[in-house]
PDB file of N, CA and C in Angstrom:
ATOM      1  N   MET A   1      25.254  -0.818  44.884  1.00  0.00           N
ATOM      2  CA  MET A   1      24.621   0.113  43.964  1.00  0.00           C
ATOM      3  C   MET A   1      24.903  -0.278  42.516  1.00  0.00           C
ATOM      4  N   THR A   2      26.133  -0.713  42.218  1.00  0.00           N
ATOM      5  CA  THR A   2      26.453  -1.106  40.846  1.00  0.00           C
ATOM      6  C   THR A   2      25.749  -2.385  40.447  1.00  0.00           C
ATOM      7  N   ALA A   3      25.415  -3.210  41.402  1.00  0.00           N
ATOM      8  CA  ALA A   3      24.701  -4.444  41.090  1.00  0.00           C
ATOM      9  C   ALA A   3      23.255  -4.158  40.731  1.00  0.00           C
ATOM     10  N   MET A   4      22.687  -3.105  41.211  1.00  0.00           N
ATOM     11  CA  MET A   4      21.284  -2.792  40.932  1.00  0.00           C
ATOM     12  C   MET A   4      21.101  -2.052  39.602  1.00  0.00           C
ATOM     13  N   LEU A   5      22.188  -1.448  39.102  1.00  0.00           N
ATOM     14  CA  LEU A   5      22.075  -0.681  37.853  1.00  0.00           C
ATOM     15  C   LEU A   5      21.643  -1.558  36.664  1.00  0.00           C
ATOM     16  N   PRO A   6      22.263  -2.747  36.437  1.00  0.00           N
ATOM     17  CA  PRO A   6      21.764  -3.585  35.319  1.00  0.00           C
ATOM     18  C   PRO A   6      20.330  -4.036  35.520  1.00  0.00           C
ATOM     19  N   MET A   7      19.927  -4.309  36.731  1.00  0.00           N
ATOM     20  CA  MET A   7      18.548  -4.717  36.976  1.00  0.00           C
ATOM     21  C   MET A   7      17.586  -3.564  36.698  1.00  0.00           C
ATOM     22  N   ALA A   8      18.006  -2.370  37.082  1.00  0.00           N
ATOM     23  CA  ALA A   8      17.152  -1.210  36.830  1.00  0.00           C
ATOM     24  C   ALA A   8      17.052  -0.933  35.337  1.00  0.00           C
ATOM     25  N   MET A   9      18.161  -1.132  34.593  1.00  0.00           N
ATOM     26  CA  MET A   9      18.134  -0.913  33.143  1.00  0.00           C
ATOM     27  C   MET A   9      17.259  -1.961  32.447  1.00  0.00           C
ATOM     28  N   ALA A  10      17.306  -3.192  32.918  1.00  0.00           N
ATOM     29  CA  ALA A  10      16.484  -4.246  32.325  1.00  0.00           C
ATOM     30  C   ALA A  10      15.014  -3.996  32.599  1.00  0.00           C
ATOM     31  N   ALA A  11      14.718  -3.429  33.709  1.00  0.00           N
ATOM     32  CA  ALA A  11      13.326  -3.163  34.042  1.00  0.00           C
ATOM     33  C   ALA A  11      12.749  -2.055  33.174  1.00  0.00           C
ATOM     34  N   CYS A  12      13.561  -1.179  32.634  1.00  0.00           N
ATOM     35  CA  CYS A  12      13.094  -0.056  31.821  1.00  0.00           C
ATOM     36  C   CYS A  12      13.165  -0.342  30.328  1.00  0.00           C
ATOM     37  N   THR A  13      13.532  -1.545  29.943  1.00  0.00           N
ATOM     38  CA  THR A  13      13.644  -1.866  28.522  1.00  0.00           C
ATOM     39  C   THR A  13      12.242  -1.970  27.918  1.00  0.00           C
ATOM     40  N   PRO A  14      11.977  -1.187  26.901  1.00  0.00           N
ATOM     41  CA  PRO A  14      10.628  -1.266  26.308  1.00  0.00           C
ATOM     42  C   PRO A  14      10.464  -2.562  25.513  1.00  0.00           C
ATOM     43  N   THR A  15       9.291  -3.099  25.512  1.00  0.00           N
ATOM     44  CA  THR A  15       8.996  -4.305  24.742  1.00  0.00           C
ATOM     45  C   THR A  15       7.816  -4.016  23.814  1.00  0.00           C
ATOM     46  N   VAL A  16       7.868  -4.628  22.663  1.00  0.00           N
ATOM     47  CA  VAL A  16       6.793  -4.497  21.687  1.00  0.00           C
ATOM     48  C   VAL A  16       6.252  -5.883  21.417  1.00  0.00           C
ATOM     49  N   GLN A  17       4.984  -6.039  21.533  1.00  0.00           N
ATOM     50  CA  GLN A  17       4.373  -7.338  21.277  1.00  0.00           C
ATOM     51  C   GLN A  17       3.353  -7.195  20.149  1.00  0.00           C
ATOM     52  N   MET A  18       3.343  -8.188  19.286  1.00  0.00           N
ATOM     53  CA  MET A  18       2.358  -8.211  18.200  1.00  0.00           C
ATOM     54  C   MET A  18       1.546  -9.488  18.339  1.00  0.00           C
ATOM     55  N   ALA A  19       0.259  -9.369  18.184  1.00  0.00           N
ATOM     56  CA  ALA A  19      -0.606 -10.538  18.275  1.00  0.00           C
ATOM     57  C   ALA A  19      -1.747 -10.382  17.282  1.00  0.00           C
ATOM     58  N   ALA A  20      -2.163 -11.489  16.730  1.00  0.00           N
ATOM     59  CA  ALA A  20      -3.304 -11.473  15.812  1.00  0.00           C
ATOM     60  C   ALA A  20      -4.580 -11.259  16.614  1.00  0.00           C
ATOM     61  N   PRO A  21      -5.549 -10.534  16.035  1.00  0.00           N
ATOM     62  CA  PRO A  21      -6.797 -10.320  16.767  1.00  0.00           C
ATOM     63  C   PRO A  21      -7.558 -11.637  16.926  1.00  0.00           C
ATOM     64  N   LYS A  22      -8.306 -11.723  17.975  1.00  0.00           N
ATOM     65  CA  LYS A  22      -9.078 -12.939  18.230  1.00  0.00           C
ATOM     66  C   LYS A  22     -10.312 -13.024  17.355  1.00  0.00           C
ATOM     67  N   GLU A  23     -10.836 -11.871  16.964  1.00  0.00           N
ATOM     68  CA  GLU A  23     -12.010 -11.834  16.090  1.00  0.00           C
ATOM     69  C   GLU A  23     -11.565 -11.558  14.669  1.00  0.00           C
ATOM     70  N   PRO A  24     -12.290 -12.049  13.684  1.00  0.00           N
ATOM     71  CA  PRO A  24     -11.907 -11.784  12.302  1.00  0.00           C
ATOM     72  C   PRO A  24     -12.049 -10.303  11.974  1.00  0.00           C
ATOM     73  N   ILE A  25     -11.219  -9.862  11.063  1.00  0.00           N
ATOM     74  CA  ILE A  25     -11.254  -8.463  10.638  1.00  0.00           C
ATOM     75  C   ILE A  25     -12.361  -8.313   9.597  1.00  0.00           C
ATOM     76  N   THR A  26     -13.240  -7.369   9.795  1.00  0.00           N
ATOM     77  CA  THR A  26     -14.339  -7.128   8.873  1.00  0.00           C
ATOM     78  C   THR A  26     -14.125  -5.785   8.194  1.00  0.00           C
ATOM     79  N   VAL A  27     -14.222  -5.814   6.876  1.00  0.00           N
ATOM     80  CA  VAL A  27     -14.076  -4.584   6.098  1.00  0.00           C
ATOM     81  C   VAL A  27     -15.387  -4.361   5.361  1.00  0.00           C
ATOM     82  N   ASN A  28     -16.031  -3.263   5.611  1.00  0.00           N
ATOM     83  CA  ASN A  28     -17.275  -2.925   4.927  1.00  0.00           C
ATOM     84  C   ASN A  28     -16.970  -1.862   3.876  1.00  0.00           C
ATOM     85  N   LEU A  29     -17.292  -2.176   2.647  1.00  0.00           N
ATOM     86  CA  LEU A  29     -17.064  -1.240   1.559  1.00  0.00           C
ATOM     87  C   LEU A  29     -18.387  -0.951   0.872  1.00  0.00           C
ATOM     88  N   ASN A  30     -18.654   0.270   0.621  1.00  0.00           N
ATOM     89  CA  ASN A  30     -19.790   0.669  -0.187  1.00  0.00           C
ATOM     90  C   ASN A  30     -19.226   1.254  -1.476  1.00  0.00           C
ATOM     91  N   VAL A  31     -19.437   0.522  -2.544  1.00  0.00           N
ATOM     92  CA  VAL A  31     -18.881   0.923  -3.827  1.00  0.00           C
ATOM     93  C   VAL A  31     -20.036   1.184  -4.779  1.00  0.00           C
ATOM     94  N   LYS A  32     -20.020   2.321  -5.397  1.00  0.00           N
ATOM     95  CA  LYS A  32     -21.046   2.664  -6.368  1.00  0.00           C
ATOM     96  C   LYS A  32     -20.372   2.793  -7.723  1.00  0.00           C
ATOM     97  N   ILE A  33     -20.851   1.983  -8.646  1.00  0.00           N
ATOM     98  CA  ILE A  33     -20.267   1.983  -9.985  1.00  0.00           C
ATOM     99  C   ILE A  33     -21.331   2.467 -10.959  1.00  0.00           C
ATOM    100  N   GLN A  34     -20.994   3.474 -11.705  1.00  0.00           N
ATOM    101  CA  GLN A  34     -21.889   3.979 -12.735  1.00  0.00           C
ATOM    102  C   GLN A  34     -21.161   3.910 -14.073  1.00  0.00           C
ATOM    103  N   HIS A  35     -21.919   3.596 -15.102  1.00  0.00           N
ATOM    104  CA  HIS A  35     -21.321   3.580 -16.420  1.00  0.00           C
ATOM    105  C   HIS A  35     -22.375   3.989 -17.443  1.00  0.00           C
ATOM    106  N   GLU A  36     -21.915   4.440 -18.534  1.00  0.00           N
ATOM    107  CA  GLU A  36     -22.786   4.821 -19.632  1.00  0.00           C
ATOM    108  C   GLU A  36     -22.277   4.141 -20.891  1.00  0.00           C
ATOM    109  N   ILE A  37     -23.225   3.672 -21.683  1.00  0.00           N
ATOM    110  CA  ILE A  37     -22.879   3.028 -22.944  1.00  0.00           C
ATOM    111  C   ILE A  37     -23.487   3.854 -24.057  1.00  0.00           C
ATOM    112  N   TYR A  38     -22.660   4.272 -24.946  1.00  0.00           N
ATOM    113  CA  TYR A  38     -23.117   5.028 -26.110  1.00  0.00           C
ATOM    114  C   TYR A  38     -23.074   4.095 -27.311  1.00  0.00           C
ATOM    115  N   VAL A  39     -24.205   4.055 -28.029  1.00  0.00           N
ATOM    116  CA  VAL A  39     -24.282   3.224 -29.216  1.00  0.00           C
ATOM    117  C   VAL A  39     -24.458   4.147 -30.409  1.00  0.00           C
ATOM    118  N   LYS A  40     -23.587   3.990 -31.326  1.00  0.00           N
ATOM    119  CA  LYS A  40     -23.677   4.798 -32.535  1.00  0.00           C
ATOM    120  C   LYS A  40     -24.257   3.918 -33.640  1.00  0.00           C
ATOM    121  N   VAL A  41     -25.373   4.353 -34.181  1.00  0.00           N
ATOM    122  CA  VAL A  41     -26.064   3.580 -35.207  1.00  0.00           C
ATOM    123  C   VAL A  41     -26.034   4.381 -36.501  1.00  0.00           C
ATOM    124  N   ASP A  42     -25.927   3.650 -37.566  1.00  0.00           N
ATOM    125  CA  ASP A  42     -25.954   4.323 -38.861  1.00  0.00           C
ATOM    126  C   ASP A  42     -27.268   5.061 -39.031  1.00  0.00           C
ATOM    127  N   LYS A  43     -27.230   6.103 -39.772  1.00  0.00           N
ATOM    128  CA  LYS A  43     -28.414   6.950 -39.989  1.00  0.00           C
ATOM    129  C   LYS A  43     -29.554   6.147 -40.602  1.00  0.00           C
ATOM    130  N   GLU A  44     -29.281   5.230 -41.542  1.00  0.00           N
ATOM    131  CA  GLU A  44     -30.337   4.447 -42.180  1.00  0.00           C
ATOM    132  C   GLU A  44     -31.036   3.539 -41.175  1.00  0.00           C
ATOM    133  N   VAL A  45     -30.288   2.912 -40.332  1.00  0.00           N
ATOM    134  CA  VAL A  45     -30.877   2.027 -39.320  1.00  0.00           C
ATOM    135  C   VAL A  45     -31.681   2.843 -38.321  1.00  0.00           C
ATOM    136  N   ASP A  46     -31.179   3.984 -37.955  1.00  0.00           N
ATOM    137  CA  ASP A  46     -31.899   4.851 -37.015  1.00  0.00           C
ATOM    138  C   ASP A  46     -33.224   5.298 -37.618  1.00  0.00           C
ATOM    139  N   ASP A  47     -33.217   5.679 -38.893  1.00  0.00           N
ATOM    140  CA  ASP A  47     -34.454   6.073 -39.562  1.00  0.00           C
ATOM    141  C   ASP A  47     -35.427   4.897 -39.663  1.00  0.00           C
ATOM    142  N   LEU A  48     -34.915   3.696 -39.930  1.00  0.00           N
ATOM    143  CA  LEU A  48     -35.761   2.515 -40.049  1.00  0.00           C
ATOM    144  C   LEU A  48     -36.468   2.224 -38.719  1.00  0.00           C
ATOM    145  N   PHE A  49     -35.756   2.291 -37.616  1.00  0.00           N
ATOM    146  CA  PHE A  49     -36.373   2.033 -36.310  1.00  0.00           C
ATOM    147  C   PHE A  49     -37.339   3.135 -35.925  1.00  0.00           C
ATOM    148  N   SER A  50     -37.052   4.364 -36.302  1.00  0.00           N
ATOM    149  CA  SER A  50     -37.944   5.457 -35.913  1.00  0.00           C
ATOM    150  C   SER A  50     -39.233   5.434 -36.733  1.00  0.00           C
ATOM    151  N   GLU A  51     -39.185   4.977 -37.962  1.00  0.00           N
ATOM    152  CA  GLU A  51     -40.379   4.933 -38.806  1.00  0.00           C
ATOM    153  C   GLU A  51     -41.244   3.712 -38.511  1.00  0.00           C
ATOM    154  N   GLN A  52     -40.634   2.529 -38.422  1.00  0.00           N
ATOM    155  CA  GLN A  52     -41.406   1.305 -38.299  1.00  0.00           C
ATOM    156  C   GLN A  52     -41.394   0.742 -36.885  1.00  0.00           C
ATOM    157  N   GLY A  53     -40.528   1.187 -36.092  1.00  0.00           N
ATOM    158  CA  GLY A  53     -40.424   0.619 -34.753  1.00  0.00           C
ATOM    159  C   GLY A  53     -39.660  -0.681 -34.800  1.00  0.00           C
ATOM    160  N   LEU A  54     -39.344  -1.183 -33.687  1.00  0.00           N
ATOM    161  CA  LEU A  54     -38.559  -2.411 -33.635  1.00  0.00           C
ATOM    162  C   LEU A  54     -39.426  -3.640 -33.841  1.00  0.00           C
ATOM    163  N   PHE A  55     -40.681  -3.624 -33.355  1.00  0.00           N
ATOM    164  CA  PHE A  55     -41.562  -4.794 -33.497  1.00  0.00           C
ATOM    165  C   PHE A  55     -42.825  -4.424 -34.221  1.00  0.00           C
TER     166      PHE A  55
END
């Protein structure tokens, strides 16, 4: 009986195995980027464009 105790304990020892996946890991990201640009123009330039236009 005492001879079987170490064998029984070895049989119950948990094992952890790590392995790399066989297929490549794919990460799909959907990123939405929004931005706003504010342009501050001098009053004289703003009046010039509004009166004569750019072209």
